Amino acid sequence: MNNLDALAPRPVRESQSEMAEIVLPNDANPLGALLGGRLMHWIDLAGAMAAHRHARTYVVTASVDHIDFLVPVHVGSLVILRSSVNRVFRTSMEVGVKVWVENYIQDKRQHVASAHLTFVAVDGKRGRVPVCQVIPENEEQQRRFEDAGRRREIRHSELERRQKTTR
């Protein structure tokens, strides 16, 4: 593959990733519920998988917007994490991750959390590298693409505000 092929736009579907985890006692607090930090770790891994698939290079986590924990997840539960690239900027990309808990005995699924993470593509020496654009293929992907642009503007204005207050 040459450099032009590497920067040819790719559809969202090529970045889509899914991982599953069973909550074990080591993943839980004394009440038997999944630790928030463990879920954040899994979200980071799921996001990185989508970013790697799209960029086809190393990626590092630059930011996580926020995570709301909607329902508790208990030991023995099956956790499903789905991720895909929402939008690419130059060397960074926003990835969305959605998490469900699945009760495979009752055949029920509940939304646990969603997060937006920003990853930066890097080479082996940790220098930034350009990433090919992502192509939304349906209305939902187009909405996520547009929303990612708005979230980026908010992140940048918040960063500027914090930098001004620390001077």
Protein backbone atom coordinates (compact mmCIF):
# COMPACT_ATOMS: atom_id res chain seq x y z
CA MET A 1 0.00 0.00 0.00
CA ASN A 2 1.37 3.42 -0.91
CA ASN A 3 0.77 6.74 0.88
CA LEU A 4 -2.12 7.71 -1.42
CA ASP A 5 -3.92 4.42 -0.68
CA ALA A 6 -3.39 4.95 3.05
CA LEU A 7 -5.18 8.32 2.89
CA ALA A 8 -8.07 7.19 0.68
CA PRO A 9 -11.35 7.78 2.57
CA ARG A 10 -12.89 4.73 4.24
CA PRO A 11 -16.50 4.07 5.23
CA VAL A 12 -17.50 4.01 8.90
CA ARG A 13 -18.27 0.28 8.67
CA GLU A 14 -14.58 -0.51 8.24
CA SER A 15 -13.87 0.86 11.71
CA GLN A 16 -16.80 -0.76 13.50
CA SER A 17 -15.65 -3.00 16.32
CA GLU A 18 -17.32 -5.06 18.99
CA MET A 19 -15.93 -6.64 22.11
CA ALA A 20 -17.55 -8.62 24.89
CA GLU A 21 -16.50 -9.08 28.50
CA ILE A 22 -17.94 -11.16 31.31
CA VAL A 23 -17.86 -9.33 34.64
CA LEU A 24 -15.76 -11.39 37.03
CA PRO A 25 -15.38 -10.86 40.80
CA ASN A 26 -12.03 -9.15 40.21
CA ASP A 27 -13.85 -6.53 38.08
CA ALA A 28 -16.34 -5.66 40.83
CA ASN A 29 -16.67 -3.58 43.98
CA PRO A 30 -17.68 -5.11 47.36
CA LEU A 31 -21.36 -4.83 46.31
CA GLY A 32 -20.76 -7.10 43.32
CA ALA A 33 -21.15 -4.30 40.75
CA LEU A 34 -18.70 -3.56 37.94
CA LEU A 35 -16.08 -0.98 38.89
CA GLY A 36 -16.44 2.26 36.93
CA GLY A 37 -12.70 2.30 36.28
CA ARG A 38 -12.80 -1.18 34.76
CA LEU A 39 -15.64 -0.11 32.45
CA MET A 40 -13.67 3.00 31.46
CA HIS A 41 -10.69 0.75 30.65
CA TRP A 42 -12.88 -1.44 28.43
CA ILE A 43 -14.35 1.65 26.74
CA ASP A 44 -10.82 2.90 25.98
CA LEU A 45 -9.87 -0.50 24.51
CA ALA A 46 -13.03 -0.68 22.39
CA GLY A 47 -12.46 2.86 21.13
CA ALA A 48 -8.84 2.13 20.33
CA MET A 49 -9.86 -0.92 18.26
CA ALA A 50 -12.06 1.24 16.02
CA ALA A 51 -9.38 3.93 15.75
CA HIS A 52 -6.69 1.35 14.86
CA ARG A 53 -8.94 -0.22 12.24
CA HIS A 54 -9.60 3.12 10.60
CA ALA A 55 -6.14 4.73 10.84
CA ARG A 56 -4.21 1.50 10.27
CA THR A 57 -1.47 2.78 12.54
CA TYR A 58 -0.78 3.27 16.23
CA VAL A 59 -3.18 5.50 18.12
CA VAL A 60 -3.09 7.12 21.54
CA THR A 61 -6.01 8.33 23.64
CA ALA A 62 -6.11 12.14 23.73
CA SER A 63 -9.40 12.72 25.57
CA VAL A 64 -12.67 11.29 26.80
CA ASP A 65 -15.62 13.69 26.79
CA HIS A 66 -17.63 12.18 29.64
CA ILE A 67 -19.19 8.93 30.77
CA ASP A 68 -22.54 8.53 32.49
CA PHE A 69 -23.13 5.18 34.22
CA LEU A 70 -26.82 4.52 33.62
CA VAL A 71 -27.43 1.12 35.23
CA PRO A 72 -25.36 -1.12 37.51
CA VAL A 73 -23.67 -4.16 35.98
CA HIS A 74 -23.28 -7.20 38.22
CA VAL A 75 -20.79 -10.06 38.45
CA GLY A 76 -21.62 -12.69 35.85
CA SER A 77 -23.14 -10.19 33.40
CA LEU A 78 -22.13 -10.05 29.77
CA VAL A 79 -20.97 -6.57 28.71
CA ILE A 80 -21.05 -5.69 25.00
CA LEU A 81 -19.07 -2.67 23.73
CA ARG A 82 -19.53 -1.37 20.18
CA SER A 83 -17.38 1.34 18.67
CA SER A 84 -16.81 3.17 15.41
CA VAL A 85 -15.10 6.28 14.12
CA ASN A 86 -17.51 9.23 14.04
CA ARG A 87 -15.28 11.79 12.34
CA VAL A 88 -11.67 12.38 11.34
CA PHE A 89 -9.92 15.72 11.59
CA ARG A 90 -6.25 15.75 10.48
CA THR A 91 -4.31 13.48 12.81
CA SER A 92 -7.11 12.92 15.31
CA MET A 93 -10.42 11.14 15.18
CA GLU A 94 -13.47 10.97 17.40
CA VAL A 95 -14.70 7.48 18.23
CA GLY A 96 -18.08 6.68 19.75
CA VAL A 97 -18.46 3.74 22.12
CA LYS A 98 -21.79 2.39 23.30
CA VAL A 99 -22.01 -0.17 26.10
CA TRP A 100 -24.79 -2.64 26.90
CA VAL A 101 -25.26 -5.27 29.57
CA GLU A 102 -26.87 -8.40 28.26
CA ASN A 103 -28.78 -10.86 30.40
CA TYR A 104 -28.42 -13.86 28.13
CA ILE A 105 -30.74 -16.00 30.31
CA GLN A 106 -33.67 -13.53 30.08
CA ASP A 107 -32.66 -12.35 26.58
CA LYS A 108 -32.65 -8.69 27.72
CA ARG A 109 -30.22 -5.89 26.93
CA GLN A 110 -29.84 -2.53 28.73
CA HIS A 111 -27.84 0.51 27.74
CA VAL A 112 -25.08 1.01 30.34
CA ALA A 113 -23.01 3.92 29.05
CA SER A 114 -21.87 5.88 26.01
CA ALA A 115 -18.67 7.83 25.50
CA HIS A 116 -16.88 9.88 22.88
CA LEU A 117 -13.11 9.53 22.83
CA THR A 118 -10.50 11.34 20.78
CA PHE A 119 -7.54 9.36 19.49
CA VAL A 120 -4.45 10.69 17.75
CA ALA A 121 -2.66 8.64 15.10
CA VAL A 122 1.07 8.32 15.70
CA ASP A 123 4.04 6.63 14.10
CA GLY A 124 6.52 4.38 15.91
CA LYS A 125 8.36 7.45 17.22
CA ARG A 126 5.13 9.00 18.57
CA GLY A 127 5.01 11.68 15.91
CA ARG A 128 1.53 12.54 14.64
CA VAL A 129 0.49 11.14 11.27
CA PRO A 130 -2.42 12.13 9.01
CA VAL A 131 -5.54 9.96 9.01
CA CYS A 132 -7.80 9.32 6.03
CA GLN A 133 -11.29 10.77 6.15
CA VAL A 134 -14.28 8.68 7.19
CA ILE A 135 -17.37 8.34 5.00
CA PRO A 136 -20.75 8.24 6.76
CA GLU A 137 -23.06 5.85 4.89
CA ASN A 138 -26.44 6.43 6.51
CA GLU A 139 -28.43 9.09 8.39
CA GLU A 140 -27.29 7.92 11.84
CA GLN A 141 -23.63 7.99 10.82
CA GLN A 142 -24.11 11.43 9.22
CA ARG A 143 -25.69 12.74 12.45
CA ARG A 144 -22.78 11.36 14.48
CA PHE A 145 -20.34 12.93 11.99
CA GLU A 146 -21.96 16.37 12.37
CA ASP A 147 -22.27 16.05 16.16
CA ALA A 148 -18.56 15.20 16.37
CA GLY A 149 -17.72 18.53 14.72
CA ARG A 150 -19.78 20.40 17.32
CA ARG A 151 -18.20 18.46 20.20
CA ARG A 152 -14.75 19.30 18.82
CA GLU A 153 -15.59 23.02 18.81
CA ILE A 154 -16.74 22.73 22.44
CA ARG A 155 -13.57 20.83 23.45
CA HIS A 156 -11.37 23.46 21.80
CA SER A 157 -13.19 26.42 23.36
CA GLU A 158 -13.05 24.75 26.79
CA LEU A 159 -9.32 24.11 26.39
CA GLU A 160 -8.77 27.78 25.45
CA ARG A 161 -10.80 28.90 28.47
CA ARG A 162 -8.76 26.70 30.83
CA GLN A 163 -5.49 27.90 29.33
CA LYS A 164 -6.51 31.55 29.87
CA THR A 165 -7.38 30.94 33.53
CA THR A 166 -4.05 29.22 34.29
CA ARG A 167 -1.89 32.04 32.89
